[in-house]
C-alpha atoms as a PDB file:
ATOM      1  CA  UNK A   1      -2.223 -27.647  12.214  1.00  0.00           C
ATOM      2  CA  UNK A   2      -2.465 -30.942  10.269  1.00  0.00           C
ATOM      3  CA  UNK A   3       0.144 -33.557  11.294  1.00  0.00           C
ATOM      4  CA  UNK A   4       0.128 -35.491   8.009  1.00  0.00           C
ATOM      5  CA  UNK A   5      -1.500 -34.128   4.887  1.00  0.00           C
ATOM      6  CA  UNK A   6      -1.607 -35.435   1.326  1.00  0.00           C
ATOM      7  CA  UNK A   7      -0.594 -33.178  -1.540  1.00  0.00           C
ATOM      8  CA  UNK A   8      -0.252 -33.398  -5.301  1.00  0.00           C
ATOM      9  CA  UNK A   9       1.742 -31.419  -7.830  1.00  0.00           C
ATOM     10  CA  UNK A  10      -0.228 -31.120 -11.046  1.00  0.00           C
ATOM     11  CA  UNK A  11       1.030 -29.741 -14.372  1.00  0.00           C
ATOM     12  CA  UNK A  12      -1.672 -27.411 -15.706  1.00  0.00           C
ATOM     13  CA  UNK A  13      -2.197 -26.125 -19.265  1.00  0.00           C
ATOM     14  CA  UNK A  14       0.172 -28.762 -20.615  1.00  0.00           C
ATOM     15  CA  UNK A  15       1.141 -28.977 -24.278  1.00  0.00           C
ATOM     16  CA  UNK A  16       0.740 -32.765 -24.295  1.00  0.00           C
ATOM     17  CA  UNK A  17       4.398 -33.553 -23.651  1.00  0.00           C
ATOM     18  CA  UNK A  18       5.688 -34.510 -20.173  1.00  0.00           C
ATOM     19  CA  UNK A  19       6.850 -31.741 -17.837  1.00  0.00           C
ATOM     20  CA  UNK A  20       5.163 -28.958 -19.766  1.00  0.00           C
ATOM     21  CA  UNK A  21       2.619 -26.484 -18.467  1.00  0.00           C
ATOM     22  CA  UNK A  22       2.701 -24.863 -15.052  1.00  0.00           C
ATOM     23  CA  UNK A  23       3.058 -27.108 -11.980  1.00  0.00           C
ATOM     24  CA  UNK A  24       0.856 -26.234  -9.005  1.00  0.00           C
ATOM     25  CA  UNK A  25       0.650 -27.718  -5.555  1.00  0.00           C
ATOM     26  CA  UNK A  26      -2.807 -28.934  -4.487  1.00  0.00           C
ATOM     27  CA  UNK A  27      -3.710 -29.579  -0.840  1.00  0.00           C
ATOM     28  CA  UNK A  28      -7.221 -30.662   0.213  1.00  0.00           C
ATOM     29  CA  UNK A  29      -8.018 -30.020   3.895  1.00  0.00           C
ATOM     30  CA  UNK A  30     -10.942 -30.461   6.266  1.00  0.00           C
ATOM     31  CA  UNK A  31     -10.580 -26.854   7.412  1.00  0.00           C
ATOM     32  CA  UNK A  32      -8.139 -24.038   6.741  1.00  0.00           C
ATOM     33  CA  UNK A  33      -5.299 -23.982   9.293  1.00  0.00           C
ATOM     34  CA  UNK A  34      -3.454 -20.761  10.062  1.00  0.00           C
ATOM     35  CA  UNK A  35      -2.160 -18.683   7.167  1.00  0.00           C
ATOM     36  CA  UNK A  36       1.420 -19.186   8.392  1.00  0.00           C
ATOM     37  CA  UNK A  37       1.128 -22.972   7.890  1.00  0.00           C
ATOM     38  CA  UNK A  38      -0.256 -22.594   4.376  1.00  0.00           C
ATOM     39  CA  UNK A  39       2.409 -20.039   3.492  1.00  0.00           C
ATOM     40  CA  UNK A  40       5.054 -22.398   4.850  1.00  0.00           C
ATOM     41  CA  UNK A  41       3.738 -25.303   2.775  1.00  0.00           C
ATOM     42  CA  UNK A  42       3.637 -23.111  -0.345  1.00  0.00           C
ATOM     43  CA  UNK A  43       7.247 -22.113   0.235  1.00  0.00           C
ATOM     44  CA  UNK A  44       8.253 -25.745   0.880  1.00  0.00           C
ATOM     45  CA  UNK A  45       6.594 -27.041  -2.307  1.00  0.00           C
ATOM     46  CA  UNK A  46       7.986 -23.954  -4.066  1.00  0.00           C
ATOM     47  CA  UNK A  47       5.676 -23.966  -7.048  1.00  0.00           C
ATOM     48  CA  UNK A  48       4.464 -20.721  -8.591  1.00  0.00           C
ATOM     49  CA  UNK A  49       1.233 -21.291  -6.631  1.00  0.00           C
ATOM     50  CA  UNK A  50      -0.118 -23.868  -4.223  1.00  0.00           C
ATOM     51  CA  UNK A  51      -3.893 -24.265  -3.915  1.00  0.00           C
ATOM     52  CA  UNK A  52      -5.576 -25.057  -0.596  1.00  0.00           C
ATOM     53  CA  UNK A  53      -9.131 -26.417  -0.707  1.00  0.00           C
ATOM     54  CA  UNK A  54     -11.779 -26.987   1.946  1.00  0.00           C
ATOM     55  CA  UNK A  55     -15.140 -28.622   1.144  1.00  0.00           C
ATOM     56  CA  UNK A  56     -18.327 -26.742   1.957  1.00  0.00           C
ATOM     57  CA  UNK A  57     -21.885 -27.994   2.245  1.00  0.00           C
ATOM     58  CA  UNK A  58     -22.205 -29.602  -1.185  1.00  0.00           C
ATOM     59  CA  UNK A  59     -19.992 -32.450  -2.414  1.00  0.00           C
ATOM     60  CA  UNK A  60     -18.925 -30.418  -5.441  1.00  0.00           C
ATOM     61  CA  UNK A  61     -18.317 -27.065  -3.732  1.00  0.00           C
ATOM     62  CA  UNK A  62     -15.017 -25.921  -2.208  1.00  0.00           C
ATOM     63  CA  UNK A  63     -13.414 -22.867  -0.726  1.00  0.00           C
ATOM     64  CA  UNK A  64     -10.141 -22.210  -2.539  1.00  0.00           C
ATOM     65  CA  UNK A  65      -7.118 -20.092  -1.638  1.00  0.00           C
ATOM     66  CA  UNK A  66      -3.837 -19.674  -3.540  1.00  0.00           C
ATOM     67  CA  UNK A  67      -0.380 -18.945  -2.161  1.00  0.00           C
ATOM     68  CA  UNK A  68       2.873 -18.216  -4.013  1.00  0.00           C
ATOM     69  CA  UNK A  69       6.089 -19.009  -2.103  1.00  0.00           C
ATOM     70  CA  UNK A  70       5.910 -15.528  -0.547  1.00  0.00           C
ATOM     71  CA  UNK A  71       2.270 -14.315  -0.470  1.00  0.00           C
ATOM     72  CA  UNK A  72      -1.415 -15.100  -0.960  1.00  0.00           C
ATOM     73  CA  UNK A  73      -2.924 -13.996  -4.290  1.00  0.00           C
ATOM     74  CA  UNK A  74      -6.524 -13.220  -5.243  1.00  0.00           C
ATOM     75  CA  UNK A  75      -6.739 -15.113  -8.544  1.00  0.00           C
ATOM     76  CA  UNK A  76      -4.823 -17.982 -10.119  1.00  0.00           C
ATOM     77  CA  UNK A  77      -5.873 -19.861 -13.226  1.00  0.00           C
ATOM     78  CA  UNK A  78      -3.416 -22.732 -13.464  1.00  0.00           C
ATOM     79  CA  UNK A  79      -3.749 -23.730  -9.781  1.00  0.00           C
ATOM     80  CA  UNK A  80      -7.553 -23.737 -10.208  1.00  0.00           C
ATOM     81  CA  UNK A  81      -7.247 -26.019 -13.232  1.00  0.00           C
ATOM     82  CA  UNK A  82      -4.840 -28.221 -11.231  1.00  0.00           C
ATOM     83  CA  UNK A  83      -7.279 -28.322  -8.310  1.00  0.00           C
ATOM     84  CA  UNK A  84     -10.184 -29.439 -10.489  1.00  0.00           C
ATOM     85  CA  UNK A  85      -8.024 -32.097 -12.145  1.00  0.00           C
ATOM     86  CA  UNK A  86      -6.908 -33.500  -8.778  1.00  0.00           C
ATOM     87  CA  UNK A  87     -10.419 -33.492  -7.286  1.00  0.00           C
ATOM     88  CA  UNK A  88     -11.643 -35.583 -10.228  1.00  0.00           C
ATOM     89  CA  UNK A  89      -8.582 -37.833 -10.467  1.00  0.00           C
ATOM     90  CA  UNK A  90      -8.569 -38.578  -6.723  1.00  0.00           C
ATOM     91  CA  UNK A  91     -12.322 -39.281  -6.948  1.00  0.00           C
ATOM     92  CA  UNK A  92     -13.073 -36.647  -4.367  1.00  0.00           C
ATOM     93  CA  UNK A  93     -15.609 -35.436  -6.970  1.00  0.00           C
ATOM     94  CA  UNK A  94     -17.235 -37.637  -9.619  1.00  0.00           C
ATOM     95  CA  UNK A  95     -16.045 -37.082 -13.188  1.00  0.00           C
ATOM     96  CA  UNK A  96     -19.373 -35.824 -14.480  1.00  0.00           C
ATOM     97  CA  UNK A  97     -19.883 -33.162 -11.810  1.00  0.00           C
ATOM     98  CA  UNK A  98     -19.034 -29.488 -12.265  1.00  0.00           C
ATOM     99  CA  UNK A  99     -17.033 -28.001  -9.390  1.00  0.00           C
ATOM    100  CA  UNK A 100     -17.747 -24.644  -7.770  1.00  0.00           C
ATOM    101  CA  UNK A 101     -14.932 -22.737  -6.053  1.00  0.00           C
ATOM    102  CA  UNK A 102     -15.509 -19.846  -3.654  1.00  0.00           C
ATOM    103  CA  UNK A 103     -12.488 -17.538  -3.810  1.00  0.00           C
ATOM    104  CA  UNK A 104     -11.276 -13.999  -3.149  1.00  0.00           C
ATOM    105  CA  UNK A 105     -12.237 -13.278  -6.786  1.00  0.00           C
ATOM    106  CA  UNK A 106     -15.770 -14.592  -6.430  1.00  0.00           C
ATOM    107  CA  UNK A 107     -17.307 -17.851  -7.618  1.00  0.00           C
ATOM    108  CA  UNK A 108     -15.352 -19.855 -10.204  1.00  0.00           C
ATOM    109  CA  UNK A 109     -16.673 -22.957 -11.991  1.00  0.00           C
ATOM    110  CA  UNK A 110     -14.755 -25.856 -13.531  1.00  0.00           C
ATOM    111  CA  UNK A 111     -16.262 -28.391 -15.943  1.00  0.00           C
ATOM    112  CA  UNK A 112     -14.871 -31.335 -17.885  1.00  0.00           C
ATOM    113  CA  UNK A 113     -15.076 -31.341 -21.668  1.00  0.00           C
ATOM    114  CA  UNK A 114     -13.535 -34.548 -23.020  1.00  0.00           C
ATOM    115  CA  UNK A 115      -9.805 -34.354 -22.145  1.00  0.00           C
ATOM    116  CA  UNK A 116      -9.942 -30.662 -21.319  1.00  0.00           C
ATOM    117  CA  UNK A 117     -10.997 -28.691 -18.262  1.00  0.00           C
ATOM    118  CA  UNK A 118     -12.976 -25.485 -18.784  1.00  0.00           C
ATOM    119  CA  UNK A 119     -12.785 -22.689 -16.211  1.00  0.00           C
ATOM    120  CA  UNK A 120     -15.264 -19.811 -16.006  1.00  0.00           C
ATOM    121  CA  UNK A 121     -13.367 -16.713 -14.803  1.00  0.00           C
ATOM    122  CA  UNK A 122     -14.069 -12.971 -14.584  1.00  0.00           C
ATOM    123  CA  UNK A 123     -12.727 -10.823 -17.413  1.00  0.00           C
ATOM    124  CA  UNK A 124     -10.030  -8.374 -16.225  1.00  0.00           C
ATOM    125  CA  UNK A 125      -9.542  -5.900 -19.093  1.00  0.00           C
ATOM    126  CA  UNK A 126      -6.646  -3.453 -19.132  1.00  0.00           C
ATOM    127  CA  UNK A 127      -7.167   0.283 -19.443  1.00  0.00           C
ATOM    128  CA  UNK A 128      -4.864   2.133 -21.865  1.00  0.00           C
ATOM    129  CA  UNK A 129      -1.835   3.947 -20.468  1.00  0.00           C
ATOM    130  CA  UNK A 130      -0.695   7.125 -22.293  1.00  0.00           C
ATOM    131  CA  UNK A 131       2.946   7.288 -23.440  1.00  0.00           C
ATOM    132  CA  UNK A 132       3.542  10.161 -20.997  1.00  0.00           C
ATOM    133  CA  UNK A 133       2.524   8.135 -17.924  1.00  0.00           C
ATOM    134  CA  UNK A 134       5.077   7.795 -15.134  1.00  0.00           C
ATOM    135  CA  UNK A 135       5.104   3.989 -15.323  1.00  0.00           C
ATOM    136  CA  UNK A 136       6.429   4.076 -18.905  1.00  0.00           C
ATOM    137  CA  UNK A 137       9.969   4.820 -17.728  1.00  0.00           C
ATOM    138  CA  UNK A 138      10.098   1.663 -15.637  1.00  0.00           C
ATOM    139  CA  UNK A 139       8.225  -0.316 -18.307  1.00  0.00           C
ATOM    140  CA  UNK A 140      10.734   0.559 -21.025  1.00  0.00           C
ATOM    141  CA  UNK A 141      13.548  -0.398 -18.661  1.00  0.00           C
ATOM    142  CA  UNK A 142      11.745  -3.636 -17.828  1.00  0.00           C
ATOM    143  CA  UNK A 143      11.423  -4.488 -21.517  1.00  0.00           C
ATOM    144  CA  UNK A 144      15.192  -4.069 -22.024  1.00  0.00           C
ATOM    145  CA  UNK A 145      14.930  -2.059 -25.217  1.00  0.00           C
ATOM    146  CA  UNK A 146      11.694  -3.463 -26.664  1.00  0.00           C
ATOM    147  CA  UNK A 147       9.031  -0.821 -27.323  1.00  0.00           C
ATOM    148  CA  UNK A 148       5.374  -1.764 -26.799  1.00  0.00           C
ATOM    149  CA  UNK A 149       2.848  -0.904 -29.487  1.00  0.00           C
ATOM    150  CA  UNK A 150       0.134  -0.627 -26.794  1.00  0.00           C
ATOM    151  CA  UNK A 151       0.263  -0.465 -23.017  1.00  0.00           C
ATOM    152  CA  UNK A 152      -2.466  -0.914 -20.438  1.00  0.00           C
ATOM    153  CA  UNK A 153      -2.968  -1.673 -16.760  1.00  0.00           C
ATOM    154  CA  UNK A 154      -5.766  -3.486 -14.994  1.00  0.00           C
ATOM    155  CA  UNK A 155      -7.783  -1.607 -12.379  1.00  0.00           C
ATOM    156  CA  UNK A 156      -7.826  -4.009  -9.426  1.00  0.00           C
ATOM    157  CA  UNK A 157      -8.387  -2.290  -6.067  1.00  0.00           C
ATOM    158  CA  UNK A 158      -5.211  -3.838  -4.656  1.00  0.00           C
ATOM    159  CA  UNK A 159      -2.154  -2.555  -6.584  1.00  0.00           C
ATOM    160  CA  UNK A 160      -0.449  -5.895  -5.970  1.00  0.00           C
ATOM    161  CA  UNK A 161      -3.192  -7.631  -7.954  1.00  0.00           C
ATOM    162  CA  UNK A 162      -2.871  -5.307 -10.953  1.00  0.00           C
ATOM    163  CA  UNK A 163      -1.031  -6.304 -14.104  1.00  0.00           C
ATOM    164  CA  UNK A 164       0.648  -4.134 -16.704  1.00  0.00           C
ATOM    165  CA  UNK A 165      -0.114  -5.364 -20.236  1.00  0.00           C
ATOM    166  CA  UNK A 166       2.498  -4.635 -22.925  1.00  0.00           C
ATOM    167  CA  UNK A 167       1.646  -5.577 -26.507  1.00  0.00           C
ATOM    168  CA  UNK A 168       4.783  -6.204 -28.568  1.00  0.00           C
ATOM    169  CA  UNK A 169       5.225  -5.891 -32.309  1.00  0.00           C
ATOM    170  CA  UNK A 170       5.971  -9.534 -33.031  1.00  0.00           C
ATOM    171  CA  UNK A 171       6.308 -13.036 -31.649  1.00  0.00           C
ATOM    172  CA  UNK A 172      10.053 -12.881 -32.346  1.00  0.00           C
ATOM    173  CA  UNK A 173      10.494  -9.822 -30.119  1.00  0.00           C
ATOM    174  CA  UNK A 174       8.472 -11.491 -27.373  1.00  0.00           C
ATOM    175  CA  UNK A 175      10.491 -14.716 -27.452  1.00  0.00           C
ATOM    176  CA  UNK A 176      13.827 -12.849 -27.380  1.00  0.00           C
ATOM    177  CA  UNK A 177      12.781 -10.642 -24.472  1.00  0.00           C
ATOM    178  CA  UNK A 178      15.096 -10.755 -21.444  1.00  0.00           C
ATOM    179  CA  UNK A 179      13.339  -8.418 -18.972  1.00  0.00           C
ATOM    180  CA  UNK A 180      15.072  -6.378 -16.314  1.00  0.00           C
ATOM    181  CA  UNK A 181      13.566  -8.016 -13.219  1.00  0.00           C
ATOM    182  CA  UNK A 182      14.367  -5.073 -10.927  1.00  0.00           C
ATOM    183  CA  UNK A 183      12.513  -2.719 -13.277  1.00  0.00           C
ATOM    184  CA  UNK A 184       9.575  -5.151 -13.477  1.00  0.00           C
ATOM    185  CA  UNK A 185       9.422  -5.121  -9.657  1.00  0.00           C
ATOM    186  CA  UNK A 186       9.239  -1.291  -9.688  1.00  0.00           C
ATOM    187  CA  UNK A 187       6.079  -1.249 -11.807  1.00  0.00           C
ATOM    188  CA  UNK A 188       2.905  -0.170  -9.946  1.00  0.00           C
ATOM    189  CA  UNK A 189       1.511  -3.686 -10.317  1.00  0.00           C
ATOM    190  CA  UNK A 190       2.060  -7.251  -9.201  1.00  0.00           C
ATOM    191  CA  UNK A 191       3.056  -8.520 -12.623  1.00  0.00           C
ATOM    192  CA  UNK A 192       3.893  -7.765 -16.242  1.00  0.00           C
ATOM    193  CA  UNK A 193       2.078  -9.476 -19.131  1.00  0.00           C
ATOM    194  CA  UNK A 194       3.644  -9.291 -22.593  1.00  0.00           C
ATOM    195  CA  UNK A 195       1.709 -10.517 -25.618  1.00  0.00           C
ATOM    196  CA  UNK A 196       1.881 -10.527 -29.407  1.00  0.00           C
ATOM    197  CA  UNK A 197       0.139 -12.128 -32.360  1.00  0.00           C
ATOM    198  CA  UNK A 198       1.447 -15.630 -33.051  1.00  0.00           C
ATOM    199  CA  UNK A 199       2.885 -16.417 -36.484  1.00  0.00           C
ATOM    200  CA  UNK A 200       0.733 -19.541 -36.743  1.00  0.00           C
ATOM    201  CA  UNK A 201      -2.446 -17.773 -35.620  1.00  0.00           C
ATOM    202  CA  UNK A 202      -3.781 -16.949 -32.172  1.00  0.00           C
ATOM    203  CA  UNK A 203      -1.620 -15.239 -29.595  1.00  0.00           C
ATOM    204  CA  UNK A 204       1.549 -15.784 -27.621  1.00  0.00           C
ATOM    205  CA  UNK A 205       2.467 -14.367 -24.220  1.00  0.00           C
ATOM    206  CA  UNK A 206       4.855 -14.376 -21.261  1.00  0.00           C
ATOM    207  CA  UNK A 207       4.317 -13.309 -17.624  1.00  0.00           C
ATOM    208  CA  UNK A 208       6.726 -11.929 -15.014  1.00  0.00           C
ATOM    209  CA  UNK A 209       5.968 -11.362 -11.298  1.00  0.00           C
ATOM    210  CA  UNK A 210       9.229 -11.040  -9.320  1.00  0.00           C
ATOM    211  CA  UNK A 211       7.486  -9.291  -6.393  1.00  0.00           C
ATOM    212  CA  UNK A 212       5.649 -12.592  -5.786  1.00  0.00           C
ATOM    213  CA  UNK A 213       8.800 -14.680  -6.083  1.00  0.00           C
ATOM    214  CA  UNK A 214       8.035 -15.620  -9.714  1.00  0.00           C
ATOM    215  CA  UNK A 215      10.690 -14.283 -12.121  1.00  0.00           C
ATOM    216  CA  UNK A 216       8.791 -15.876 -15.020  1.00  0.00           C
ATOM    217  CA  UNK A 217       5.613 -17.925 -14.714  1.00  0.00           C
ATOM    218  CA  UNK A 218       5.450 -21.015 -16.962  1.00  0.00           C
ATOM    219  CA  UNK A 219       1.730 -20.576 -17.813  1.00  0.00           C
ATOM    220  CA  UNK A 220      -0.621 -17.981 -16.324  1.00  0.00           C
ATOM    221  CA  UNK A 221      -4.327 -18.635 -16.704  1.00  0.00           C
ATOM    222  CA  UNK A 222      -5.386 -15.432 -14.958  1.00  0.00           C
ATOM    223  CA  UNK A 223      -3.258 -13.303 -17.305  1.00  0.00           C
ATOM    224  CA  UNK A 224      -5.436 -14.526 -20.163  1.00  0.00           C
ATOM    225  CA  UNK A 225      -8.429 -12.884 -18.473  1.00  0.00           C
ATOM    226  CA  UNK A 226      -6.681  -9.691 -19.632  1.00  0.00           C
ATOM    227  CA  UNK A 227      -5.081 -10.988 -22.858  1.00  0.00           C
ATOM    228  CA  UNK A 228      -8.396 -12.320 -24.248  1.00  0.00           C
ATOM    229  CA  UNK A 229     -10.364  -9.062 -23.876  1.00  0.00           C
ATOM    230  CA  UNK A 230      -7.508  -7.087 -25.484  1.00  0.00           C
ATOM    231  CA  UNK A 231      -7.322  -9.249 -28.618  1.00  0.00           C
ATOM    232  CA  UNK A 232     -11.015 -10.068 -29.117  1.00  0.00           C
ATOM    233  CA  UNK A 233     -11.805  -7.119 -31.410  1.00  0.00           C
ATOM    234  CA  UNK A 234      -8.848  -7.926 -33.667  1.00  0.00           C
ATOM    235  CA  UNK A 235      -8.761 -11.724 -33.591  1.00  0.00           C
ATOM    236  CA  UNK A 236     -12.206 -12.836 -32.430  1.00  0.00           C
ATOM    237  CA  UNK A 237     -13.667 -14.164 -29.214  1.00  0.00           C
ATOM    238  CA  UNK A 238     -12.033 -17.613 -29.335  1.00  0.00           C
ATOM    239  CA  UNK A 239      -8.235 -17.697 -29.310  1.00  0.00           C
ATOM    240  CA  UNK A 240      -5.571 -20.369 -29.299  1.00  0.00           C
ATOM    241  CA  UNK A 241      -2.968 -19.159 -26.804  1.00  0.00           C
ATOM    242  CA  UNK A 242       0.614 -20.244 -26.202  1.00  0.00           C
ATOM    243  CA  UNK A 243       2.709 -19.124 -23.242  1.00  0.00           C
ATOM    244  CA  UNK A 244       6.309 -19.008 -24.470  1.00  0.00           C
ATOM    245  CA  UNK A 245       8.098 -19.916 -21.252  1.00  0.00           C
ATOM    246  CA  UNK A 246      10.876 -22.498 -21.018  1.00  0.00           C
ATOM    247  CA  UNK A 247       8.332 -25.209 -20.069  1.00  0.00           C
ATOM    248  CA  UNK A 248       5.723 -24.004 -22.533  1.00  0.00           C
ATOM    249  CA  UNK A 249       1.970 -24.127 -22.162  1.00  0.00           C
ATOM    250  CA  UNK A 250      -1.207 -24.086 -24.221  1.00  0.00           C
ATOM    251  CA  UNK A 251      -4.782 -23.017 -23.588  1.00  0.00           C
ATOM    252  CA  UNK A 252      -7.918 -21.845 -25.327  1.00  0.00           C
ATOM    253  CA  UNK A 253      -9.460 -18.476 -24.431  1.00  0.00           C
ATOM    254  CA  UNK A 254     -13.145 -17.700 -25.045  1.00  0.00           C
ATOM    255  CA  UNK A 255     -14.430 -14.168 -24.362  1.00  0.00           C
ATOM    256  CA  UNK A 256     -17.836 -14.721 -25.938  1.00  0.00           C
ATOM    257  CA  UNK A 257     -19.773 -14.137 -22.700  1.00  0.00           C
ATOM    258  CA  UNK A 258     -19.834 -10.507 -21.560  1.00  0.00           C
ATOM    259  CA  UNK A 259     -17.715  -9.943 -18.471  1.00  0.00           C
ATOM    260  CA  UNK A 260     -16.441 -13.536 -18.364  1.00  0.00           C
ATOM    261  CA  UNK A 261     -13.563 -15.512 -19.846  1.00  0.00           C
ATOM    262  CA  UNK A 262     -13.586 -19.279 -20.365  1.00  0.00           C
ATOM    263  CA  UNK A 263     -10.130 -20.818 -20.163  1.00  0.00           C
ATOM    264  CA  UNK A 264      -9.630 -24.429 -21.182  1.00  0.00           C
ATOM    265  CA  UNK A 265      -6.647 -26.732 -21.127  1.00  0.00           C
ATOM    266  CA  UNK A 266      -5.231 -30.092 -20.123  1.00  0.00           C
ATOM    267  CA  UNK A 267      -3.578 -31.237 -16.898  1.00  0.00           C
ATOM    268  CA  UNK A 268      -1.624 -34.231 -15.596  1.00  0.00           C
ATOM    269  CA  UNK A 269      -0.538 -35.274 -12.110  1.00  0.00           C
ATOM    270  CA  UNK A 270       3.250 -35.224 -11.772  1.00  0.00           C
ATOM    271  CA  UNK A 271       3.886 -35.905  -8.047  1.00  0.00           C
ATOM    272  CA  UNK A 272       1.930 -37.095  -5.000  1.00  0.00           C
ATOM    273  CA  UNK A 273       3.148 -37.245  -1.418  1.00  0.00           C
ATOM    274  CA  UNK A 274       2.639 -36.365   2.240  1.00  0.00           C
ATOM    275  CA  UNK A 275       3.373 -33.232   4.240  1.00  0.00           C
ATOM    276  CA  UNK A 276       4.575 -34.226   7.736  1.00  0.00           C
END
């Protein structure tokens, strides 16, 4: 395992103010060490996700893996945005070059557009869940009295990678929500997305994944691969999105390309250091 390794903590999908967005650890390696070392580092840094990158043949191509403090996950938007930001800022990759990531969810591409980073991700639409479905009992408990106007679940092969999507009647209900974390953990999915129309236009959301050690995620890029496809018929293919966590976060969601979602946002480096 590496004896001394540089890392950065990068705030992704920031609102423009300090200490907003979702912080992610970023670690660039020559080769992947054992999973136990990466899981240990992710737990030590204790961000929602830590990204581990290894260069491949081309100077702008990397293998990318993401770990929460307790497990590896197959897709993570904010840690991908953080990784691209750090690769450019550290001059590992030149500013003008697009970056290709090989991941458990396929090939992902990051490009710079002025002050923003644009990610090309797969769309992950949710399939509707009937009111009589077994999961509705736990969902209603998880929502602590709020009643969704529409419910769906994504169809990932791994149940731990699925998300339940609950559409709420208003932004006010969403912001007041205090979910029952034990009920959220009982859902047949890795996480719960809640979303509503925003008063000022666009959409607002929150994301909860206690089974991955994340009671509430500050900003969840990958959740918007489900949020965008849900809202596109009602609100259009380009959405301004706010994640209404305590830290707050902002991103743009573009579902204009069939089967893909383009997520864009800003990032800033908050911390750099060494792992000994």
